[in-house]
Amino acid sequence: MSIAEYRGIASGEVAILGNGPSLMQQIPMLGDVDTIGINASLQHHPSKWHCAMDQESLIQLPEMKYEADVLFTTNLLYRLPKTNTKQVSMPTRHMDIGWSKDLTDCIYSGKATIWFALQIAAWLGYQDIYLMGFDLSGKRVGGHLREDQDIPHSAIKRQLELMGYLRGLIDTNYIKQRVYICTLDNPCVTIPKVVWQHREFTKTGVYEPAIDVDITITRRPSRMGGGVRFCEL
């Protein structure tokens, strides 16, 4: 399957399901919204779309409770977890931080599956993207490859940097998607947090709690890692 076939075929809202401890509390509130699963989330909730960047995740998928229709992966060769699951692999840049608007050319991994999934969500055509189970703290939920292990500080730092970079892309209108975090105790302050059931903003230190907040602020660019532009946290 080619990633080109999936460009702009969706619209509206989508929830990306992380693997943090809060995922189990957030799943009952999902309703019938479209979801993009990552790694072990198929253990707990079905998703039409699923993202995995490493062979370990795919080896575990046959034991998952649910089966995805489409599995998006990196440019590595993968063993399909289910015979009915379509696999779409893309040229992947692991060493650079960036955002690809043309996934037929490449996708940036950010060394974090949630970053991979954000670019997939935009490519599919979703306008409002909600991150659930994105805790950046606590122990990983059951079914995760590293179940009951604490999330390491290096992974937290990297994902906070990615969220700062994402905020810069939004502020400069480089991307048109709107991204929100539904895990209210997530330490990130660059992406607004919302209460999922009401789609209402909660005070994060950056935004006032109003549904019509304009999520644009001026940020001074800095350079981090390989000369790639980031926005300061």
Protein backbone atom coordinates (compact mmCIF):
# COMPACT_ATOMS: atom_id res chain seq x y z
CA MET A 1 0.00 0.00 0.00
CA SER A 2 1.15 3.55 -0.73
CA ILE A 3 0.84 6.42 1.74
CA ALA A 4 -0.31 8.61 -1.18
CA GLU A 5 -3.66 6.78 -1.19
CA TYR A 6 -4.46 8.07 2.29
CA ARG A 7 -3.89 11.77 1.78
CA GLY A 8 -6.90 13.85 2.88
CA ILE A 9 -9.34 10.96 3.17
CA ALA A 10 -10.51 11.98 6.68
CA SER A 11 -11.69 15.16 8.38
CA GLY A 12 -12.86 16.59 11.70
CA GLU A 13 -11.60 15.28 15.03
CA VAL A 14 -9.26 12.43 15.89
CA ALA A 15 -7.83 11.19 19.18
CA ILE A 16 -4.30 9.80 19.27
CA LEU A 17 -4.06 7.16 21.97
CA GLY A 18 -0.80 7.18 23.90
CA ASN A 19 0.32 4.48 26.29
CA GLY A 20 0.33 6.43 29.55
CA PRO A 21 -1.44 5.38 32.77
CA SER A 22 -4.38 7.78 32.19
CA LEU A 23 -5.41 6.01 28.98
CA MET A 24 -7.69 3.58 30.81
CA GLN A 25 -9.60 6.46 32.41
CA GLN A 26 -9.92 8.33 29.12
CA ILE A 27 -11.08 5.45 26.91
CA PRO A 28 -14.67 5.37 28.31
CA MET A 29 -15.08 9.02 27.26
CA LEU A 30 -14.04 8.52 23.63
CA GLY A 31 -17.47 7.76 22.19
CA ASP A 32 -17.38 7.22 18.43
CA VAL A 33 -14.57 9.65 17.62
CA ASP A 34 -11.92 8.40 15.18
CA THR A 35 -8.76 7.19 16.87
CA ILE A 36 -5.15 6.58 15.89
CA GLY A 37 -3.55 4.00 18.15
CA ILE A 38 0.14 3.78 18.92
CA ASN A 39 2.11 0.75 20.09
CA ALA A 40 0.17 -1.14 22.79
CA SER A 41 -3.07 0.87 22.68
CA LEU A 42 -4.78 -1.91 20.67
CA GLN A 43 -4.70 -3.88 23.89
CA HIS A 44 -7.36 -1.55 25.25
CA HIS A 45 -9.26 0.15 22.39
CA PRO A 46 -9.88 -0.52 18.69
CA SER A 47 -8.47 1.95 16.17
CA LYS A 48 -8.87 1.98 12.40
CA TRP A 49 -5.39 3.52 12.14
CA HIS A 50 -2.37 2.35 14.09
CA CYS A 51 1.26 3.50 14.28
CA ALA A 52 4.32 1.53 15.33
CA MET A 53 7.97 2.31 14.70
CA ASP A 54 9.78 -0.77 15.94
CA GLN A 55 9.72 -4.49 15.36
CA GLU A 56 9.17 -5.20 19.06
CA SER A 57 5.80 -3.47 18.96
CA LEU A 58 4.72 -5.53 15.98
CA ILE A 59 5.82 -8.81 17.51
CA GLN A 60 3.50 -8.08 20.41
CA LEU A 61 0.55 -7.04 18.25
CA PRO A 62 -0.68 -10.58 17.53
CA GLU A 63 -1.54 -10.79 21.22
CA MET A 64 -3.52 -7.55 21.11
CA LYS A 65 -7.23 -7.63 21.78
CA TYR A 66 -8.08 -5.56 18.70
CA GLU A 67 -6.92 -5.41 15.11
CA ALA A 68 -6.26 -2.21 13.16
CA ASP A 69 -7.32 -1.80 9.53
CA VAL A 70 -4.13 0.04 8.57
CA LEU A 71 -0.72 -0.10 10.21
CA PHE A 72 1.67 2.79 9.48
CA THR A 73 5.33 1.95 9.93
CA THR A 74 8.83 3.18 9.17
CA ASN A 75 10.88 2.17 6.16
CA LEU A 76 12.06 -1.02 7.84
CA LEU A 77 10.77 -4.45 6.85
CA TYR A 78 8.05 -5.55 9.26
CA ARG A 79 6.20 -8.77 9.85
CA LEU A 80 2.50 -8.09 9.56
CA PRO A 81 0.76 -8.68 12.90
CA LYS A 82 -2.56 -9.69 11.36
CA THR A 83 -3.38 -11.03 7.91
CA ASN A 84 -6.19 -8.49 7.44
CA THR A 85 -4.11 -5.49 8.44
CA LYS A 86 -2.80 -3.37 5.60
CA GLN A 87 0.73 -2.12 6.06
CA VAL A 88 1.91 1.28 4.85
CA SER A 89 5.62 1.95 5.26
CA MET A 90 7.33 5.26 4.60
CA PRO A 91 10.88 6.55 4.20
CA THR A 92 11.71 7.68 7.73
CA ARG A 93 14.25 10.16 9.02
CA HIS A 94 15.19 9.26 12.56
CA MET A 95 18.12 11.59 13.18
CA ASP A 96 16.47 14.91 12.28
CA ILE A 97 13.60 16.69 13.99
CA GLY A 98 11.09 18.05 11.53
CA TRP A 99 7.53 17.94 10.26
CA SER A 100 6.82 16.46 6.84
CA LYS A 101 3.98 17.77 4.70
CA ASP A 102 4.73 15.15 2.05
CA LEU A 103 4.85 11.66 3.51
CA THR A 104 5.57 10.21 0.09
CA ASP A 105 8.94 11.88 0.45
CA CYS A 106 9.61 11.09 4.12
CA ILE A 107 8.25 11.18 7.64
CA TYR A 108 10.21 12.35 10.70
CA SER A 109 10.16 9.95 13.63
CA GLY A 110 11.21 12.39 16.36
CA LYS A 111 12.23 9.13 18.07
CA ALA A 112 8.71 9.15 19.54
CA THR A 113 5.76 7.27 18.08
CA ILE A 114 3.37 10.05 19.04
CA TRP A 115 5.30 12.45 16.77
CA PHE A 116 5.05 9.92 13.96
CA ALA A 117 1.29 9.63 14.60
CA LEU A 118 0.77 13.42 14.59
CA GLN A 119 2.11 13.66 11.05
CA ILE A 120 -0.09 10.73 10.02
CA ALA A 121 -3.16 12.47 11.49
CA ALA A 122 -2.42 15.64 9.52
CA TRP A 123 -1.80 13.67 6.33
CA LEU A 124 -5.12 11.85 6.70
CA GLY A 125 -6.86 15.23 6.83
CA TYR A 126 -7.94 15.65 10.45
CA GLN A 127 -8.15 19.26 11.63
CA ASP A 128 -8.49 18.82 15.42
CA ILE A 129 -6.10 16.39 17.05
CA TYR A 130 -6.49 15.34 20.70
CA LEU A 131 -3.74 13.52 22.61
CA MET A 132 -5.00 11.00 25.16
CA GLY A 133 -2.96 8.82 27.47
CA PHE A 134 -0.09 11.26 26.97
CA ASP A 135 1.08 11.46 30.57
CA LEU A 136 4.86 11.83 30.46
CA SER A 137 4.89 10.47 34.00
CA GLY A 138 4.14 7.35 35.98
CA LYS A 139 4.45 3.73 34.95
CA ARG A 140 3.48 2.34 31.58
CA VAL A 141 0.12 0.57 31.44
CA GLY A 142 -0.37 -3.15 31.13
CA GLY A 143 0.30 -4.52 27.67
CA HIS A 144 3.11 -2.09 26.98
CA LEU A 145 6.44 -3.59 25.98
CA ARG A 146 7.94 -2.14 29.15
CA GLU A 147 4.95 -2.63 31.40
CA ASP A 148 5.19 -1.13 34.90
CA GLN A 149 8.48 0.63 34.11
CA ASP A 150 8.73 4.35 34.78
CA ILE A 151 8.97 6.60 31.75
CA PRO A 152 12.64 7.69 31.62
CA HIS A 153 13.55 11.34 31.99
CA SER A 154 15.26 11.37 28.59
CA ALA A 155 12.00 10.35 26.87
CA ILE A 156 10.06 13.01 28.78
CA LYS A 157 12.57 15.71 27.82
CA ARG A 158 12.51 14.69 24.15
CA GLN A 159 8.73 14.72 23.94
CA LEU A 160 8.49 18.09 25.68
CA GLU A 161 10.95 19.43 23.12
CA LEU A 162 8.80 17.99 20.34
CA MET A 163 5.71 19.69 21.75
CA GLY A 164 7.59 23.00 21.86
CA TYR A 165 8.57 22.54 18.23
CA LEU A 166 4.98 21.65 17.36
CA ARG A 167 3.76 24.83 19.03
CA GLY A 168 6.14 26.82 16.85
CA LEU A 169 4.69 25.16 13.73
CA ILE A 170 1.18 26.10 14.84
CA ASP A 171 2.09 29.67 15.80
CA THR A 172 3.71 30.34 12.43
CA ASN A 173 0.83 28.70 10.53
CA TYR A 174 3.22 26.18 9.04
CA ILE A 175 0.56 23.61 9.85
CA LYS A 176 -3.16 24.29 10.05
CA GLN A 177 -4.09 21.51 12.46
CA ARG A 178 -5.04 22.28 16.04
CA VAL A 179 -3.55 20.01 18.70
CA TYR A 180 -4.78 19.61 22.28
CA ILE A 181 -3.72 17.51 25.26
CA CYS A 182 -6.50 15.76 27.19
CA THR A 183 -4.26 14.48 29.98
CA LEU A 184 -4.62 17.41 32.34
CA ASP A 185 -1.65 16.63 34.60
CA ASN A 186 0.76 16.34 31.66
CA PRO A 187 3.72 18.69 32.41
CA CYS A 188 3.70 20.27 28.93
CA VAL A 189 2.71 23.96 28.87
CA THR A 190 3.21 24.70 25.18
CA ILE A 191 0.18 22.79 23.89
CA PRO A 192 -3.22 23.70 25.37
CA LYS A 193 -5.07 21.24 27.55
CA VAL A 194 -8.79 20.61 27.16
CA VAL A 195 -11.43 18.68 29.05
CA TRP A 196 -12.41 16.18 26.38
CA GLN A 197 -16.10 15.82 27.24
CA HIS A 198 -16.76 19.56 26.80
CA ARG A 199 -13.83 20.52 24.55
CA GLU A 200 -13.17 23.35 27.02
CA PHE A 201 -9.74 24.74 27.77
CA THR A 202 -8.28 24.36 31.21
CA LYS A 203 -5.75 26.81 32.63
CA THR A 204 -2.23 25.60 31.91
CA GLY A 205 -0.13 28.69 32.63
CA VAL A 206 -0.23 29.61 28.94
CA TYR A 207 -3.93 29.93 28.09
CA GLU A 208 -6.90 31.31 29.90
CA PRO A 209 -9.77 28.82 30.31
CA ALA A 210 -11.97 29.93 27.42
CA ILE A 211 -13.14 27.87 24.48
CA ASP A 212 -12.42 30.64 21.97
CA VAL A 213 -8.79 31.16 22.93
CA ASP A 214 -6.60 32.00 19.96
CA ILE A 215 -3.71 29.57 20.28
CA THR A 216 -1.03 31.89 18.93
CA ILE A 217 1.78 33.39 20.96
CA THR A 218 5.17 34.78 19.98
CA ARG A 219 8.09 32.53 20.79
CA ARG A 220 11.75 33.23 20.33
CA PRO A 221 13.33 30.49 18.19
CA SER A 222 16.36 28.63 19.41
CA ARG A 223 18.47 25.94 17.83
CA MET A 224 18.81 22.49 19.28
CA GLY A 225 20.25 19.22 18.04
CA GLY A 226 21.57 19.13 14.50
CA GLY A 227 20.77 22.74 13.73
CA VAL A 228 17.03 22.13 13.63
CA ARG A 229 14.78 24.95 14.74
CA PHE A 230 12.87 24.45 17.95
CA CYS A 231 10.72 26.81 19.96
CA GLU A 232 11.76 27.29 23.53
CA LEU A 233 9.63 25.64 26.19
